Amino acid sequence: MTHAEEVIERAMAAVAQARRRREREQEWRRKTFGRIQVGIPLPPLKRGVQLSLQLDRPSTQ
């Protein structure tokens, strides 16, 4: 086997290994995140009230 053939063989093995890893991780994500249920939406918040700071009045303490 020539050097070029060995390099090609190693490259193909690396590609196959990356593909197996990617497929394995994809299956794990499908199993893990497929079970997550989305909760019921929260009720809308009531409108807030803007408070007056009244900066010109001296504090009464």
N, C-alpha and C. Protein backbone atom coordinates (compact mmCIF):
# COMPACT_ATOMS: atom_id res chain seq x y z
N MET A 1 0.86 -1.18 0.00
CA MET A 1 0.00 0.00 0.00
C MET A 1 0.90 1.24 0.00
N THR A 2 0.60 2.15 -0.87
CA THR A 2 1.43 3.34 -0.97
C THR A 2 1.07 4.32 0.14
N HIS A 3 1.92 5.30 0.29
CA HIS A 3 1.70 6.31 1.34
C HIS A 3 0.38 7.06 1.09
N ALA A 4 0.12 7.38 -0.16
CA ALA A 4 -1.12 8.11 -0.49
C ALA A 4 -2.35 7.27 -0.12
N GLU A 5 -2.30 5.99 -0.38
CA GLU A 5 -3.42 5.11 -0.05
C GLU A 5 -3.62 5.02 1.46
N GLU A 6 -2.50 4.99 2.21
CA GLU A 6 -2.61 4.95 3.67
C GLU A 6 -3.24 6.23 4.20
N VAL A 7 -2.83 7.36 3.64
CA VAL A 7 -3.39 8.64 4.07
C VAL A 7 -4.88 8.69 3.78
N ILE A 8 -5.26 8.24 2.59
CA ILE A 8 -6.68 8.23 2.22
C ILE A 8 -7.46 7.30 3.14
N GLU A 9 -6.90 6.15 3.46
CA GLU A 9 -7.58 5.20 4.34
C GLU A 9 -7.77 5.79 5.74
N ARG A 10 -6.73 6.46 6.26
CA ARG A 10 -6.87 7.09 7.58
C ARG A 10 -7.90 8.21 7.56
N ALA A 11 -7.92 8.97 6.47
CA ALA A 11 -8.90 10.06 6.36
C ALA A 11 -10.31 9.50 6.31
N MET A 12 -10.51 8.44 5.56
CA MET A 12 -11.85 7.82 5.47
C MET A 12 -12.26 7.25 6.83
N ALA A 13 -11.31 6.69 7.58
CA ALA A 13 -11.62 6.17 8.91
C ALA A 13 -12.01 7.31 9.85
N ALA A 14 -11.32 8.44 9.75
CA ALA A 14 -11.65 9.59 10.59
C ALA A 14 -13.04 10.12 10.26
N VAL A 15 -13.38 10.17 8.98
CA VAL A 15 -14.70 10.63 8.57
C VAL A 15 -15.78 9.68 9.09
N ALA A 16 -15.53 8.38 8.99
CA ALA A 16 -16.50 7.40 9.47
C ALA A 16 -16.68 7.51 10.98
N GLN A 17 -15.59 7.73 11.71
CA GLN A 17 -15.68 7.88 13.16
C GLN A 17 -16.46 9.13 13.52
N ALA A 18 -16.22 10.22 12.82
CA ALA A 18 -16.96 11.46 13.10
C ALA A 18 -18.44 11.28 12.80
N ARG A 19 -18.76 10.56 11.74
CA ARG A 19 -20.16 10.31 11.40
C ARG A 19 -20.84 9.48 12.49
N ARG A 20 -20.15 8.43 12.96
CA ARG A 20 -20.74 7.59 14.02
C ARG A 20 -20.98 8.42 15.28
N ARG A 21 -20.00 9.26 15.65
CA ARG A 21 -20.15 10.10 16.83
C ARG A 21 -21.32 11.07 16.67
N ARG A 22 -21.43 11.69 15.49
CA ARG A 22 -22.50 12.64 15.23
C ARG A 22 -23.87 11.95 15.30
N GLU A 23 -23.98 10.76 14.73
CA GLU A 23 -25.24 10.02 14.77
C GLU A 23 -25.58 9.60 16.19
N ARG A 24 -24.57 9.21 16.96
CA ARG A 24 -24.80 8.81 18.35
C ARG A 24 -25.28 10.01 19.16
N GLU A 25 -24.65 11.18 18.99
CA GLU A 25 -25.07 12.38 19.71
C GLU A 25 -26.46 12.83 19.27
N GLN A 26 -26.76 12.68 17.99
CA GLN A 26 -28.08 13.06 17.49
C GLN A 26 -29.16 12.16 18.12
N GLU A 27 -28.88 10.89 18.24
CA GLU A 27 -29.83 9.97 18.88
C GLU A 27 -30.01 10.32 20.36
N TRP A 28 -28.90 10.66 21.04
CA TRP A 28 -28.98 11.05 22.46
C TRP A 28 -29.84 12.30 22.62
N ARG A 29 -29.63 13.30 21.74
CA ARG A 29 -30.43 14.53 21.81
C ARG A 29 -31.91 14.23 21.59
N ARG A 30 -32.20 13.36 20.62
CA ARG A 30 -33.59 13.02 20.33
C ARG A 30 -34.24 12.37 21.55
N LYS A 31 -33.54 11.45 22.20
CA LYS A 31 -34.09 10.78 23.38
C LYS A 31 -34.22 11.75 24.55
N THR A 32 -33.19 12.55 24.78
CA THR A 32 -33.17 13.44 25.94
C THR A 32 -34.17 14.57 25.80
N PHE A 33 -34.10 15.31 24.71
CA PHE A 33 -34.93 16.49 24.57
C PHE A 33 -36.32 16.17 24.07
N GLY A 34 -36.53 14.97 23.57
CA GLY A 34 -37.87 14.57 23.15
C GLY A 34 -38.79 14.38 24.33
N ARG A 35 -38.23 14.12 25.51
CA ARG A 35 -39.04 13.89 26.70
C ARG A 35 -39.41 15.17 27.42
N ILE A 36 -38.76 16.26 27.08
CA ILE A 36 -39.02 17.51 27.79
C ILE A 36 -40.38 18.06 27.36
N GLN A 37 -41.24 18.28 28.32
CA GLN A 37 -42.56 18.83 28.05
C GLN A 37 -42.51 20.33 28.26
N VAL A 38 -43.15 21.04 27.38
CA VAL A 38 -43.23 22.48 27.53
C VAL A 38 -44.35 22.76 28.52
N GLY A 39 -44.06 23.56 29.54
CA GLY A 39 -45.05 23.88 30.56
C GLY A 39 -46.15 24.76 30.02
N ILE A 40 -47.21 24.87 30.80
CA ILE A 40 -48.31 25.73 30.39
C ILE A 40 -47.83 27.18 30.42
N PRO A 41 -48.34 28.00 29.53
CA PRO A 41 -47.87 29.39 29.53
C PRO A 41 -48.32 30.12 30.78
N LEU A 42 -47.50 31.04 31.23
CA LEU A 42 -47.82 31.82 32.42
C LEU A 42 -48.92 32.83 32.09
N PRO A 43 -49.77 33.15 33.06
CA PRO A 43 -50.81 34.15 32.80
C PRO A 43 -50.17 35.51 32.59
N PRO A 44 -50.83 36.37 31.82
CA PRO A 44 -50.25 37.70 31.60
C PRO A 44 -50.24 38.49 32.90
N LEU A 45 -49.22 39.28 33.07
CA LEU A 45 -49.09 40.08 34.28
C LEU A 45 -50.02 41.28 34.22
N LYS A 46 -50.49 41.71 35.39
CA LYS A 46 -51.32 42.90 35.46
C LYS A 46 -50.44 44.11 35.21
N ARG A 47 -51.06 45.15 34.71
CA ARG A 47 -50.28 46.36 34.43
C ARG A 47 -49.76 46.94 35.73
N GLY A 48 -48.54 47.37 35.71
CA GLY A 48 -47.92 47.94 36.90
C GLY A 48 -48.37 49.37 37.12
N VAL A 49 -48.11 49.87 38.28
CA VAL A 49 -48.44 51.25 38.63
C VAL A 49 -47.14 52.01 38.75
N GLN A 50 -47.05 53.15 38.09
CA GLN A 50 -45.84 53.96 38.17
C GLN A 50 -45.91 54.80 39.44
N LEU A 51 -44.91 54.68 40.27
CA LEU A 51 -44.87 55.40 41.53
C LEU A 51 -44.21 56.75 41.34
N SER A 52 -44.69 57.73 42.07
CA SER A 52 -44.11 59.06 42.01
C SER A 52 -42.94 59.11 42.97
N LEU A 53 -41.82 59.65 42.52
CA LEU A 53 -40.65 59.74 43.39
C LEU A 53 -40.72 60.96 44.30
N GLN A 54 -41.38 61.99 43.89
CA GLN A 54 -41.52 63.23 44.65
C GLN A 54 -40.16 63.67 45.20
N LEU A 55 -39.26 64.00 44.33
CA LEU A 55 -37.91 64.36 44.72
C LEU A 55 -37.83 65.75 45.36
N ASP A 56 -38.82 66.61 45.11
CA ASP A 56 -38.74 67.97 45.63
C ASP A 56 -39.24 68.08 47.07
N ARG A 57 -39.85 67.05 47.62
CA ARG A 57 -40.34 67.09 49.01
C ARG A 57 -39.26 66.58 49.95
N PRO A 58 -39.05 67.23 51.08
CA PRO A 58 -38.09 66.70 52.06
C PRO A 58 -38.66 65.46 52.73
N SER A 59 -37.78 64.57 53.11
CA SER A 59 -38.25 63.35 53.76
C SER A 59 -38.69 63.66 55.19
N THR A 60 -39.72 62.96 55.66
CA THR A 60 -40.25 63.18 57.01
C THR A 60 -39.89 61.98 57.87
N GLN A 61 -38.73 62.03 58.48
CA GLN A 61 -38.31 60.91 59.33
C GLN A 61 -37.95 61.36 60.70
